[in-house]
Amino acid sequence: MLPECLGKEFYAKKKYPCPLKLHGFTDPKDLQKQLNNASKATYFMQGNGPNYSLRIGKASQEANNIAENIEQALPFALAYVCAHDEIKFSSLQSISLKVGESPELPIFNQL
């Protein structure tokens, strides 16, 4: 139902809607805090194959900001994948960084 409401363009460009809790706030500042936290976060979408991707920054950001994003996002993504897909951390083969259409740059590789 949701793809029909939003339009296939969102899903074709992998721009998925992010679920937010917008009700039950008594103070408007709590709602503002919820929206600000959501705008600073990323949403992990699990694919159908053995490869997963997570968007952690933009090319327009400074290098130290992207490095901080990687340091904070990677442990959560690994914990999620290892816990929910019955993948053991020892069976993880590689972790790579990719920017736009560039080739993947490996940051971890287990041969």
PDB file of N, CA and C in Angstrom:
ATOM      1  N   MET A   1       0.818  -1.191   0.000  1.00  0.00           N
ATOM      2  CA  MET A   1       0.000   0.000   0.000  1.00  0.00           C
ATOM      3  C   MET A   1       0.862   1.255   0.000  1.00  0.00           C
ATOM      4  N   LEU A   2       1.950   1.248   0.763  1.00  0.00           N
ATOM      5  CA  LEU A   2       2.771   2.448   0.872  1.00  0.00           C
ATOM      6  C   LEU A   2       3.440   2.839  -0.451  1.00  0.00           C
ATOM      7  N   PRO A   3       3.976   1.898  -1.250  1.00  0.00           N
ATOM      8  CA  PRO A   3       4.558   2.326  -2.520  1.00  0.00           C
ATOM      9  C   PRO A   3       3.555   3.014  -3.440  1.00  0.00           C
ATOM     10  N   GLU A   4       2.299   2.573  -3.411  1.00  0.00           N
ATOM     11  CA  GLU A   4       1.298   3.212  -4.251  1.00  0.00           C
ATOM     12  C   GLU A   4       1.018   4.643  -3.785  1.00  0.00           C
ATOM     13  N   CYS A   5       1.060   4.870  -2.476  1.00  0.00           N
ATOM     14  CA  CYS A   5       0.792   6.210  -1.945  1.00  0.00           C
ATOM     15  C   CYS A   5       1.948   7.174  -2.212  1.00  0.00           C
ATOM     16  N   LEU A   6       3.169   6.702  -2.018  1.00  0.00           N
ATOM     17  CA  LEU A   6       4.329   7.569  -2.189  1.00  0.00           C
ATOM     18  C   LEU A   6       4.745   7.700  -3.645  1.00  0.00           C
ATOM     19  N   GLY A   7       4.599   6.649  -4.388  1.00  0.00           N
ATOM     20  CA  GLY A   7       5.053   6.642  -5.772  1.00  0.00           C
ATOM     21  C   GLY A   7       6.282   5.778  -5.914  1.00  0.00           C
ATOM     22  N   LYS A   8       6.388   5.121  -7.059  1.00  0.00           N
ATOM     23  CA  LYS A   8       7.483   4.177  -7.265  1.00  0.00           C
ATOM     24  C   LYS A   8       8.839   4.869  -7.359  1.00  0.00           C
ATOM     25  N   GLU A   9       8.858   6.185  -7.608  1.00  0.00           N
ATOM     26  CA  GLU A   9      10.124   6.900  -7.728  1.00  0.00           C
ATOM     27  C   GLU A   9      10.930   6.838  -6.433  1.00  0.00           C
ATOM     28  N   PHE A  10      10.242   6.912  -5.281  1.00  0.00           N
ATOM     29  CA  PHE A  10      10.928   6.836  -3.995  1.00  0.00           C
ATOM     30  C   PHE A  10      11.627   5.496  -3.836  1.00  0.00           C
ATOM     31  N   TYR A  11      10.930   4.420  -4.164  1.00  0.00           N
ATOM     32  CA  TYR A  11      11.480   3.089  -3.993  1.00  0.00           C
ATOM     33  C   TYR A  11      12.517   2.765  -5.065  1.00  0.00           C
ATOM     34  N   ALA A  12      12.374   3.320  -6.250  1.00  0.00           N
ATOM     35  CA  ALA A  12      13.366   3.102  -7.299  1.00  0.00           C
ATOM     36  C   ALA A  12      14.697   3.754  -6.926  1.00  0.00           C
ATOM     37  N   LYS A  13      14.650   4.889  -6.239  1.00  0.00           N
ATOM     38  CA  LYS A  13      15.863   5.583  -5.817  1.00  0.00           C
ATOM     39  C   LYS A  13      16.299   5.165  -4.416  1.00  0.00           C
ATOM     40  N   LYS A  14      15.637   4.138  -3.869  1.00  0.00           N
ATOM     41  CA  LYS A  14      15.932   3.613  -2.522  1.00  0.00           C
ATOM     42  C   LYS A  14      15.797   4.703  -1.459  1.00  0.00           C
ATOM     43  N   LYS A  15      14.759   5.512  -1.578  1.00  0.00           N
ATOM     44  CA  LYS A  15      14.421   6.536  -0.593  1.00  0.00           C
ATOM     45  C   LYS A  15      13.204   6.032   0.173  1.00  0.00           C
ATOM     46  N   TYR A  16      13.438   5.218   1.166  1.00  0.00           N
ATOM     47  CA  TYR A  16      12.352   4.588   1.908  1.00  0.00           C
ATOM     48  C   TYR A  16      11.862   5.520   3.013  1.00  0.00           C
ATOM     49  N   PRO A  17      10.583   5.460   3.342  1.00  0.00           N
ATOM     50  CA  PRO A  17      10.077   6.286   4.440  1.00  0.00           C
ATOM     51  C   PRO A  17      10.614   5.778   5.776  1.00  0.00           C
ATOM     52  N   CYS A  18      10.852   6.687   6.669  1.00  0.00           N
ATOM     53  CA  CYS A  18      11.361   6.349   8.003  1.00  0.00           C
ATOM     54  C   CYS A  18      10.214   6.445   9.009  1.00  0.00           C
ATOM     55  N   PRO A  19       9.925   5.369   9.736  1.00  0.00           N
ATOM     56  CA  PRO A  19       8.834   5.437  10.707  1.00  0.00           C
ATOM     57  C   PRO A  19       9.204   6.314  11.903  1.00  0.00           C
ATOM     58  N   LEU A  20       8.306   7.187  12.285  1.00  0.00           N
ATOM     59  CA  LEU A  20       8.501   8.081  13.420  1.00  0.00           C
ATOM     60  C   LEU A  20       7.278   8.058  14.318  1.00  0.00           C
ATOM     61  N   LYS A  21       7.498   8.198  15.603  1.00  0.00           N
ATOM     62  CA  LYS A  21       6.394   8.349  16.540  1.00  0.00           C
ATOM     63  C   LYS A  21       6.110   9.844  16.658  1.00  0.00           C
ATOM     64  N   LEU A  22       4.927  10.259  16.230  1.00  0.00           N
ATOM     65  CA  LEU A  22       4.579  11.675  16.243  1.00  0.00           C
ATOM     66  C   LEU A  22       3.430  11.995  17.182  1.00  0.00           C
ATOM     67  N   HIS A  23       2.948  11.023  17.932  1.00  0.00           N
ATOM     68  CA  HIS A  23       1.823  11.270  18.833  1.00  0.00           C
ATOM     69  C   HIS A  23       2.249  10.952  20.266  1.00  0.00           C
ATOM     70  N   GLY A  24       1.494  11.453  21.208  1.00  0.00           N
ATOM     71  CA  GLY A  24       1.755  11.176  22.619  1.00  0.00           C
ATOM     72  C   GLY A  24       2.734  12.129  23.282  1.00  0.00           C
ATOM     73  N   PHE A  25       3.128  13.187  22.608  1.00  0.00           N
ATOM     74  CA  PHE A  25       4.036  14.164  23.203  1.00  0.00           C
ATOM     75  C   PHE A  25       3.214  15.282  23.829  1.00  0.00           C
ATOM     76  N   THR A  26       3.447  15.551  25.117  1.00  0.00           N
ATOM     77  CA  THR A  26       2.726  16.625  25.785  1.00  0.00           C
ATOM     78  C   THR A  26       3.420  17.970  25.590  1.00  0.00           C
ATOM     79  N   ASP A  27       4.733  17.921  25.466  1.00  0.00           N
ATOM     80  CA  ASP A  27       5.512  19.141  25.284  1.00  0.00           C
ATOM     81  C   ASP A  27       5.982  19.229  23.834  1.00  0.00           C
ATOM     82  N   PRO A  28       5.762  20.350  23.160  1.00  0.00           N
ATOM     83  CA  PRO A  28       6.220  20.478  21.769  1.00  0.00           C
ATOM     84  C   PRO A  28       7.735  20.316  21.617  1.00  0.00           C
ATOM     85  N   LYS A  29       8.482  20.614  22.669  1.00  0.00           N
ATOM     86  CA  LYS A  29       9.938  20.456  22.598  1.00  0.00           C
ATOM     87  C   LYS A  29      10.332  18.986  22.499  1.00  0.00           C
ATOM     88  N   ASP A  30       9.513  18.086  23.087  1.00  0.00           N
ATOM     89  CA  ASP A  30       9.786  16.658  22.965  1.00  0.00           C
ATOM     90  C   ASP A  30       9.599  16.192  21.525  1.00  0.00           C
ATOM     91  N   LEU A  31       8.562  16.696  20.879  1.00  0.00           N
ATOM     92  CA  LEU A  31       8.337  16.367  19.473  1.00  0.00           C
ATOM     93  C   LEU A  31       9.463  16.934  18.611  1.00  0.00           C
ATOM     94  N   GLN A  32       9.890  18.146  18.911  1.00  0.00           N
ATOM     95  CA  GLN A  32      10.989  18.757  18.162  1.00  0.00           C
ATOM     96  C   GLN A  32      12.269  17.936  18.343  1.00  0.00           C
ATOM     97  N   LYS A  33      12.516  17.463  19.552  1.00  0.00           N
ATOM     98  CA  LYS A  33      13.693  16.632  19.814  1.00  0.00           C
ATOM     99  C   LYS A  33      13.618  15.326  19.026  1.00  0.00           C
ATOM    100  N   GLN A  34      12.428  14.714  18.967  1.00  0.00           N
ATOM    101  CA  GLN A  34      12.231  13.477  18.209  1.00  0.00           C
ATOM    102  C   GLN A  34      12.530  13.703  16.723  1.00  0.00           C
ATOM    103  N   LEU A  35      12.030  14.781  16.158  1.00  0.00           N
ATOM    104  CA  LEU A  35      12.259  15.087  14.750  1.00  0.00           C
ATOM    105  C   LEU A  35      13.721  15.411  14.468  1.00  0.00           C
ATOM    106  N   ASN A  36      14.381  16.139  15.356  1.00  0.00           N
ATOM    107  CA  ASN A  36      15.798  16.452  15.179  1.00  0.00           C
ATOM    108  C   ASN A  36      16.649  15.200  15.245  1.00  0.00           C
ATOM    109  N   ASN A  37      16.334  14.287  16.174  1.00  0.00           N
ATOM    110  CA  ASN A  37      17.075  13.034  16.261  1.00  0.00           C
ATOM    111  C   ASN A  37      16.892  12.198  15.000  1.00  0.00           C
ATOM    112  N   ALA A  38      15.695  12.188  14.457  1.00  0.00           N
ATOM    113  CA  ALA A  38      15.433  11.420  13.240  1.00  0.00           C
ATOM    114  C   ALA A  38      16.172  12.013  12.044  1.00  0.00           C
ATOM    115  N   SER A  39      16.286  13.331  12.000  1.00  0.00           N
ATOM    116  CA  SER A  39      16.977  13.954  10.863  1.00  0.00           C
ATOM    117  C   SER A  39      18.482  13.708  10.911  1.00  0.00           C
ATOM    118  N   LYS A  40      19.018  13.403  12.083  1.00  0.00           N
ATOM    119  CA  LYS A  40      20.450  13.140  12.223  1.00  0.00           C
ATOM    120  C   LYS A  40      20.780  11.656  12.092  1.00  0.00           C
ATOM    121  N   ALA A  41      19.771  10.822  12.006  1.00  0.00           N
ATOM    122  CA  ALA A  41      19.984   9.375  12.019  1.00  0.00           C
ATOM    123  C   ALA A  41      19.932   8.797  10.611  1.00  0.00           C
ATOM    124  N   THR A  42      20.275   7.533  10.517  1.00  0.00           N
ATOM    125  CA  THR A  42      20.147   6.796   9.276  1.00  0.00           C
ATOM    126  C   THR A  42      19.206   5.632   9.511  1.00  0.00           C
ATOM    127  N   TYR A  43      18.683   5.083   8.443  1.00  0.00           N
ATOM    128  CA  TYR A  43      17.712   4.002   8.550  1.00  0.00           C
ATOM    129  C   TYR A  43      18.276   2.805   7.819  1.00  0.00           C
ATOM    130  N   PHE A  44      18.459   1.706   8.510  1.00  0.00           N
ATOM    131  CA  PHE A  44      19.065   0.509   7.947  1.00  0.00           C
ATOM    132  C   PHE A  44      18.006  -0.319   7.237  1.00  0.00           C
ATOM    133  N   MET A  45      18.174  -0.508   5.936  1.00  0.00           N
ATOM    134  CA  MET A  45      17.261  -1.339   5.159  1.00  0.00           C
ATOM    135  C   MET A  45      18.003  -2.600   4.751  1.00  0.00           C
ATOM    136  N   GLN A  46      17.435  -3.722   5.113  1.00  0.00           N
ATOM    137  CA  GLN A  46      18.068  -4.998   4.842  1.00  0.00           C
ATOM    138  C   GLN A  46      17.647  -5.498   3.464  1.00  0.00           C
ATOM    139  N   GLY A  47      18.615  -5.897   2.669  1.00  0.00           N
ATOM    140  CA  GLY A  47      18.335  -6.399   1.337  1.00  0.00           C
ATOM    141  C   GLY A  47      17.962  -7.870   1.339  1.00  0.00           C
ATOM    142  N   ASN A  48      17.810  -8.441   0.155  1.00  0.00           N
ATOM    143  CA  ASN A  48      17.431  -9.848   0.030  1.00  0.00           C
ATOM    144  C   ASN A  48      18.617 -10.768  -0.164  1.00  0.00           C
ATOM    145  N   GLY A  49      19.808 -10.260  -0.257  1.00  0.00           N
ATOM    146  CA  GLY A  49      20.978 -11.083  -0.499  1.00  0.00           C
ATOM    147  C   GLY A  49      21.951 -11.026   0.654  1.00  0.00           C
ATOM    148  N   PRO A  50      23.163 -11.515   0.423  1.00  0.00           N
ATOM    149  CA  PRO A  50      24.164 -11.531   1.491  1.00  0.00           C
ATOM    150  C   PRO A  50      24.859 -10.192   1.691  1.00  0.00           C
ATOM    151  N   ASN A  51      24.569  -9.194   0.860  1.00  0.00           N
ATOM    152  CA  ASN A  51      25.210  -7.889   0.974  1.00  0.00           C
ATOM    153  C   ASN A  51      24.234  -6.891   1.589  1.00  0.00           C
ATOM    154  N   TYR A  52      24.745  -6.072   2.493  1.00  0.00           N
ATOM    155  CA  TYR A  52      23.945  -5.051   3.144  1.00  0.00           C
ATOM    156  C   TYR A  52      24.624  -3.709   2.934  1.00  0.00           C
ATOM    157  N   SER A  53      23.833  -2.657   2.851  1.00  0.00           N
ATOM    158  CA  SER A  53      24.414  -1.332   2.712  1.00  0.00           C
ATOM    159  C   SER A  53      23.764  -0.396   3.717  1.00  0.00           C
ATOM    160  N   LEU A  54      24.542   0.573   4.150  1.00  0.00           N
ATOM    161  CA  LEU A  54      24.088   1.550   5.130  1.00  0.00           C
ATOM    162  C   LEU A  54      24.654   2.900   4.731  1.00  0.00           C
ATOM    163  N   ARG A  55      23.795   3.870   4.577  1.00  0.00           N
ATOM    164  CA  ARG A  55      24.220   5.213   4.203  1.00  0.00           C
ATOM    165  C   ARG A  55      24.589   5.957   5.487  1.00  0.00           C
ATOM    166  N   ILE A  56      25.841   6.412   5.573  1.00  0.00           N
ATOM    167  CA  ILE A  56      26.297   7.019   6.825  1.00  0.00           C
ATOM    168  C   ILE A  56      26.763   8.459   6.660  1.00  0.00           C
ATOM    169  N   GLY A  57      26.729   8.982   5.474  1.00  0.00           N
ATOM    170  CA  GLY A  57      27.168  10.360   5.293  1.00  0.00           C
ATOM    171  C   GLY A  57      26.938  10.833   3.874  1.00  0.00           C
ATOM    172  N   LYS A  58      27.303  12.075   3.640  1.00  0.00           N
ATOM    173  CA  LYS A  58      27.181  12.682   2.319  1.00  0.00           C
ATOM    174  C   LYS A  58      28.554  13.161   1.872  1.00  0.00           C
ATOM    175  N   ALA A  59      28.758  13.211   0.580  1.00  0.00           N
ATOM    176  CA  ALA A  59      30.046  13.653   0.044  1.00  0.00           C
ATOM    177  C   ALA A  59      30.336  15.101   0.408  1.00  0.00           C
ATOM    178  N   SER A  60      29.306  15.874   0.715  1.00  0.00           N
ATOM    179  CA  SER A  60      29.511  17.277   1.064  1.00  0.00           C
ATOM    180  C   SER A  60      29.982  17.468   2.509  1.00  0.00           C
ATOM    181  N   GLN A  61      29.940  16.401   3.312  1.00  0.00           N
ATOM    182  CA  GLN A  61      30.391  16.512   4.700  1.00  0.00           C
ATOM    183  C   GLN A  61      31.909  16.501   4.773  1.00  0.00           C
ATOM    184  N   GLU A  62      32.418  17.009   5.894  1.00  0.00           N
ATOM    185  CA  GLU A  62      33.857  16.987   6.117  1.00  0.00           C
ATOM    186  C   GLU A  62      34.296  15.568   6.477  1.00  0.00           C
ATOM    187  N   ALA A  63      35.545  15.266   6.200  1.00  0.00           N
ATOM    188  CA  ALA A  63      36.066  13.911   6.391  1.00  0.00           C
ATOM    189  C   ALA A  63      35.974  13.457   7.849  1.00  0.00           C
ATOM    190  N   ASN A  64      36.240  14.356   8.801  1.00  0.00           N
ATOM    191  CA  ASN A  64      36.181  13.943  10.207  1.00  0.00           C
ATOM    192  C   ASN A  64      34.752  13.636  10.648  1.00  0.00           C
ATOM    193  N   ASN A  65      33.751  14.312  10.071  1.00  0.00           N
ATOM    194  CA  ASN A  65      32.357  13.996  10.388  1.00  0.00           C
ATOM    195  C   ASN A  65      31.968  12.624   9.856  1.00  0.00           C
ATOM    196  N   ILE A  66      32.416  12.309   8.645  1.00  0.00           N
ATOM    197  CA  ILE A  66      32.122  10.999   8.070  1.00  0.00           C
ATOM    198  C   ILE A  66      32.809   9.905   8.878  1.00  0.00           C
ATOM    199  N   ALA A  67      34.035  10.150   9.305  1.00  0.00           N
ATOM    200  CA  ALA A  67      34.751   9.162  10.128  1.00  0.00           C
ATOM    201  C   ALA A  67      34.018   8.930  11.449  1.00  0.00           C
ATOM    202  N   GLU A  68      33.515   9.990  12.073  1.00  0.00           N
ATOM    203  CA  GLU A  68      32.741   9.835  13.310  1.00  0.00           C
ATOM    204  C   GLU A  68      31.466   9.031  13.055  1.00  0.00           C
ATOM    205  N   ASN A  69      30.800   9.293  11.918  1.00  0.00           N
ATOM    206  CA  ASN A  69      29.594   8.539  11.580  1.00  0.00           C
ATOM    207  C   ASN A  69      29.902   7.057  11.419  1.00  0.00           C
ATOM    208  N   ILE A  70      31.018   6.749  10.776  1.00  0.00           N
ATOM    209  CA  ILE A  70      31.408   5.349  10.596  1.00  0.00           C
ATOM    210  C   ILE A  70      31.659   4.695  11.946  1.00  0.00           C
ATOM    211  N   GLU A  71      32.394   5.382  12.817  1.00  0.00           N
ATOM    212  CA  GLU A  71      32.705   4.832  14.135  1.00  0.00           C
ATOM    213  C   GLU A  71      31.442   4.557  14.950  1.00  0.00           C
ATOM    214  N   GLN A  72      30.426   5.395  14.805  1.00  0.00           N
ATOM    215  CA  GLN A  72      29.209   5.211  15.586  1.00  0.00           C
ATOM    216  C   GLN A  72      28.241   4.228  14.947  1.00  0.00           C
ATOM    217  N   ALA A  73      28.148   4.207  13.612  1.00  0.00           N
ATOM    218  CA  ALA A  73      27.146   3.376  12.943  1.00  0.00           C
ATOM    219  C   ALA A  73      27.585   1.932  12.770  1.00  0.00           C
ATOM    220  N   LEU A  74      28.846   1.686  12.535  1.00  0.00           N
ATOM    221  CA  LEU A  74      29.317   0.343  12.224  1.00  0.00           C
ATOM    222  C   LEU A  74      29.047  -0.682  13.323  1.00  0.00           C
ATOM    223  N   PRO A  75      29.321  -0.387  14.598  1.00  0.00           N
ATOM    224  CA  PRO A  75      29.023  -1.395  15.629  1.00  0.00           C
ATOM    225  C   PRO A  75      27.540  -1.761  15.713  1.00  0.00           C
ATOM    226  N   PHE A  76      26.659  -0.784  15.530  1.00  0.00           N
ATOM    227  CA  PHE A  76      25.223  -1.071  15.583  1.00  0.00           C
ATOM    228  C   PHE A  76      24.785  -1.917  14.387  1.00  0.00           C
ATOM    229  N   ALA A  77      25.301  -1.594  13.209  1.00  0.00           N
ATOM    230  CA  ALA A  77      24.940  -2.358  12.015  1.00  0.00           C
ATOM    231  C   ALA A  77      25.442  -3.794  12.117  1.00  0.00           C
ATOM    232  N   LEU A  78      26.678  -3.969  12.575  1.00  0.00           N
ATOM    233  CA  LEU A  78      27.214  -5.326  12.723  1.00  0.00           C
ATOM    234  C   LEU A  78      26.447  -6.118  13.763  1.00  0.00           C
ATOM    235  N   ALA A  79      26.109  -5.491  14.865  1.00  0.00           N
ATOM    236  CA  ALA A  79      25.349  -6.182  15.914  1.00  0.00           C
ATOM    237  C   ALA A  79      23.975  -6.580  15.400  1.00  0.00           C
ATOM    238  N   TYR A  80      23.345  -5.718  14.635  1.00  0.00           N
ATOM    239  CA  TYR A  80      22.019  -6.022  14.101  1.00  0.00           C
ATOM    240  C   TYR A  80      22.073  -7.189  13.124  1.00  0.00           C
ATOM    241  N   VAL A  81      22.992  -7.137  12.190  1.00  0.00           N
ATOM    242  CA  VAL A  81      23.087  -8.198  11.186  1.00  0.00           C
ATOM    243  C   VAL A  81      23.462  -9.528  11.843  1.00  0.00           C
ATOM    244  N   CYS A  82      24.419  -9.510  12.752  1.00  0.00           N
ATOM    245  CA  CYS A  82      24.855 -10.756  13.394  1.00  0.00           C
ATOM    246  C   CYS A  82      23.764 -11.343  14.289  1.00  0.00           C
ATOM    247  N   ALA A  83      22.931 -10.509  14.884  1.00  0.00           N
ATOM    248  CA  ALA A  83      21.889 -11.004  15.784  1.00  0.00           C
ATOM    249  C   ALA A  83      20.650 -11.463  15.031  1.00  0.00           C
ATOM    250  N   HIS A  84      20.274 -10.785  13.962  1.00  0.00           N
ATOM    251  CA  HIS A  84      19.014 -11.077  13.291  1.00  0.00           C
ATOM    252  C   HIS A  84      19.136 -12.036  12.116  1.00  0.00           C
ATOM    253  N   ASP A  85      20.305 -12.204  11.560  1.00  0.00           N
ATOM    254  CA  ASP A  85      20.453 -13.090  10.404  1.00  0.00           C
ATOM    255  C   ASP A  85      21.204 -14.368  10.726  1.00  0.00           C
ATOM    256  N   GLU A  86      21.429 -14.621  12.002  1.00  0.00           N
ATOM    257  CA  GLU A  86      22.149 -15.810  12.452  1.00  0.00           C
ATOM    258  C   GLU A  86      23.522 -15.907  11.794  1.00  0.00           C
ATOM    259  N   ILE A  87      24.107 -14.759  11.513  1.00  0.00           N
ATOM    260  CA  ILE A  87      25.456 -14.698  10.955  1.00  0.00           C
ATOM    261  C   ILE A  87      26.418 -14.556  12.125  1.00  0.00           C
ATOM    262  N   LYS A  88      27.400 -15.396  12.158  1.00  0.00           N
ATOM    263  CA  LYS A  88      28.433 -15.269  13.182  1.00  0.00           C
ATOM    264  C   LYS A  88      29.429 -14.211  12.719  1.00  0.00           C
ATOM    265  N   PHE A  89      29.962 -13.454  13.663  1.00  0.00           N
ATOM    266  CA  PHE A  89      30.914 -12.412  13.302  1.00  0.00           C
ATOM    267  C   PHE A  89      32.122 -13.019  12.603  1.00  0.00           C
ATOM    268  N   SER A  90      32.484 -14.256  12.978  1.00  0.00           N
ATOM    269  CA  SER A  90      33.637 -14.900  12.349  1.00  0.00           C
ATOM    270  C   SER A  90      33.380 -15.226  10.879  1.00  0.00           C
ATOM    271  N   SER A  91      32.115 -15.309  10.456  1.00  0.00           N
ATOM    272  CA  SER A  91      31.814 -15.595   9.054  1.00  0.00           C
ATOM    273  C   SER A  91      31.710 -14.329   8.205  1.00  0.00           C
ATOM    274  N   LEU A  92      31.836 -13.170   8.823  1.00  0.00           N
ATOM    275  CA  LEU A  92      31.815 -11.902   8.088  1.00  0.00           C
ATOM    276  C   LEU A  92      33.035 -11.845   7.183  1.00  0.00           C
ATOM    277  N   GLN A  93      32.832 -11.559   5.909  1.00  0.00           N
ATOM    278  CA  GLN A  93      33.937 -11.617   4.958  1.00  0.00           C
ATOM    279  C   GLN A  93      34.574 -10.270   4.676  1.00  0.00           C
ATOM    280  N   SER A  94      33.762  -9.218   4.538  1.00  0.00           N
ATOM    281  CA  SER A  94      34.378  -7.928   4.240  1.00  0.00           C
ATOM    282  C   SER A  94      33.452  -6.783   4.602  1.00  0.00           C
ATOM    283  N   ILE A  95      34.069  -5.639   4.850  1.00  0.00           N
ATOM    284  CA  ILE A  95      33.363  -4.379   5.079  1.00  0.00           C
ATOM    285  C   ILE A  95      34.034  -3.358   4.164  1.00  0.00           C
ATOM    286  N   SER A  96      33.219  -2.670   3.380  1.00  0.00           N
ATOM    287  CA  SER A  96      33.759  -1.727   2.402  1.00  0.00           C
ATOM    288  C   SER A  96      33.053  -0.391   2.496  1.00  0.00           C
ATOM    289  N   LEU A  97      33.730   0.649   2.042  1.00  0.00           N
ATOM    290  CA  LEU A  97      33.151   1.981   1.917  1.00  0.00           C
ATOM    291  C   LEU A  97      32.955   2.277   0.440  1.00  0.00           C
ATOM    292  N   LYS A  98      31.861   2.946   0.124  1.00  0.00           N
ATOM    293  CA  LYS A  98      31.569   3.287  -1.265  1.00  0.00           C
ATOM    294  C   LYS A  98      31.011   4.696  -1.309  1.00  0.00           C
ATOM    295  N   VAL A  99      31.468   5.479  -2.265  1.00  0.00           N
ATOM    296  CA  VAL A  99      30.994   6.840  -2.441  1.00  0.00           C
ATOM    297  C   VAL A  99      30.411   6.956  -3.834  1.00  0.00           C
ATOM    298  N   GLY A 100      29.100   7.161  -3.920  1.00  0.00           N
ATOM    299  CA  GLY A 100      28.439   7.338  -5.208  1.00  0.00           C
ATOM    300  C   GLY A 100      28.684   6.179  -6.152  1.00  0.00           C
ATOM    301  N   GLU A 101      29.279   6.467  -7.291  1.00  0.00           N
ATOM    302  CA  GLU A 101      29.556   5.446  -8.303  1.00  0.00           C
ATOM    303  C   GLU A 101      30.987   4.923  -8.216  1.00  0.00           C
ATOM    304  N   SER A 102      31.706   5.245  -7.157  1.00  0.00           N
ATOM    305  CA  SER A 102      33.098   4.832  -7.022  1.00  0.00           C
ATOM    306  C   SER A 102      33.196   3.332  -6.736  1.00  0.00           C
ATOM    307  N   PRO A 103      34.375   2.746  -6.941  1.00  0.00           N
ATOM    308  CA  PRO A 103      34.552   1.352  -6.528  1.00  0.00           C
ATOM    309  C   PRO A 103      34.572   1.267  -5.006  1.00  0.00           C
ATOM    310  N   GLU A 104      34.301   0.090  -4.494  1.00  0.00           N
ATOM    311  CA  GLU A 104      34.286  -0.105  -3.044  1.00  0.00           C
ATOM    312  C   GLU A 104      35.711  -0.094  -2.511  1.00  0.00           C
ATOM    313  N   LEU A 105      35.905   0.580  -1.377  1.00  0.00           N
ATOM    314  CA  LEU A 105      37.204   0.635  -0.717  1.00  0.00           C
ATOM    315  C   LEU A 105      37.135  -0.243   0.528  1.00  0.00           C
ATOM    316  N   PRO A 106      37.887  -1.339   0.554  1.00  0.00           N
ATOM    317  CA  PRO A 106      37.800  -2.252   1.702  1.00  0.00           C
ATOM    318  C   PRO A 106      38.413  -1.645   2.965  1.00  0.00           C
ATOM    319  N   ILE A 107      37.699  -1.798   4.093  1.00  0.00           N
ATOM    320  CA  ILE A 107      38.273  -1.407   5.381  1.00  0.00           C
ATOM    321  C   ILE A 107      38.454  -2.625   6.275  1.00  0.00           C
ATOM    322  N   PHE A 108      37.843  -3.768   5.894  1.00  0.00           N
ATOM    323  CA  PHE A 108      38.044  -5.038   6.583  1.00  0.00           C
ATOM    324  C   PHE A 108      37.858  -6.131   5.559  1.00  0.00           C
ATOM    325  N   ASN A 109      38.776  -7.117   5.562  1.00  0.00           N
ATOM    326  CA  ASN A 109      38.660  -8.236   4.641  1.00  0.00           C
ATOM    327  C   ASN A 109      39.211  -9.478   5.323  1.00  0.00           C
ATOM    328  N   GLN A 110      38.388 -10.500   5.390  1.00  0.00           N
ATOM    329  CA  GLN A 110      38.801 -11.757   6.011  1.00  0.00           C
ATOM    330  C   GLN A 110      38.934 -12.793   4.911  1.00  0.00           C
ATOM    331  N   LEU A 111      40.155 -13.208   4.654  1.00  0.00           N
ATOM    332  CA  LEU A 111      40.395 -14.169   3.582  1.00  0.00           C
ATOM    333  C   LEU A 111      40.384 -15.581   4.102  1.00  0.00           C
TER     334      LEU A 111
END
